Protein backbone atom coordinates (compact mmCIF):
# COMPACT_ATOMS: atom_id res chain seq x y z
CA MET A 1 -2.60 17.66 24.42
CA ASP A 2 -1.26 20.13 21.87
CA ASP A 3 2.11 18.41 22.06
CA VAL A 4 0.56 15.06 21.16
CA LEU A 5 -1.39 16.61 18.30
CA SER A 6 1.70 18.31 16.90
CA LYS A 7 3.68 15.04 17.09
CA TYR A 8 0.82 13.22 15.36
CA LYS A 9 0.72 15.79 12.56
CA GLU A 10 4.50 15.62 12.13
CA PHE A 11 4.42 11.82 12.00
CA LYS A 12 1.55 11.88 9.50
CA HIS A 13 3.44 14.35 7.31
CA ARG A 14 6.60 12.20 7.37
CA LEU A 15 4.66 9.03 6.61
CA LEU A 16 2.82 10.59 3.67
CA PHE A 17 6.10 11.98 2.34
CA LEU A 18 7.74 8.56 2.59
CA LEU A 19 4.82 6.86 0.83
CA GLU A 20 4.91 9.49 -1.89
CA MET A 21 8.63 8.90 -2.43
CA LEU A 22 8.18 5.12 -2.56
CA GLU A 23 5.05 5.17 -4.73
CA PRO A 24 6.87 4.40 -8.03
CA PHE A 25 8.32 1.27 -6.42
CA LEU A 26 5.16 0.22 -4.60
CA ASP A 27 2.75 0.51 -7.54
CA PRO A 28 4.22 -2.41 -9.55
CA VAL A 29 4.32 -4.58 -6.43
CA ILE A 30 0.70 -3.83 -5.55
CA THR A 31 -0.45 -4.28 -9.15
CA GLY A 32 1.51 -7.54 -9.44
CA THR A 33 -0.04 -8.83 -6.25
CA LYS A 34 -3.55 -8.01 -7.44
CA ASN A 35 -2.95 -9.70 -10.80
CA THR A 36 -1.46 -12.79 -9.18
CA THR A 37 -4.34 -13.04 -6.76
CA SER A 38 -6.87 -12.71 -9.59
CA GLU A 39 -5.09 -15.31 -11.70
CA ASP A 40 -4.88 -17.73 -8.77
CA ALA A 41 -8.58 -17.26 -8.09
CA ASN A 42 -9.38 -17.94 -11.75
CA ASP A 43 -7.24 -21.10 -11.73
CA ILE A 44 -9.01 -22.39 -8.65
CA HIS A 45 -12.39 -21.64 -10.19
CA LEU A 46 -11.48 -23.48 -13.41
CA GLU A 47 -10.26 -26.56 -11.52
CA LYS A 48 -13.65 -27.08 -9.88
């Protein structure tokens, strides 16, 4: 059980590190997606 927990903690640490390193690249993509989704929703609302 301790082995599984240690592997989980190691994986979690690596994943968080990777996300932290990629954050500058992911932020514009996420923000762009949110803006596009909002604009598309507004266009659909205006067409009705």
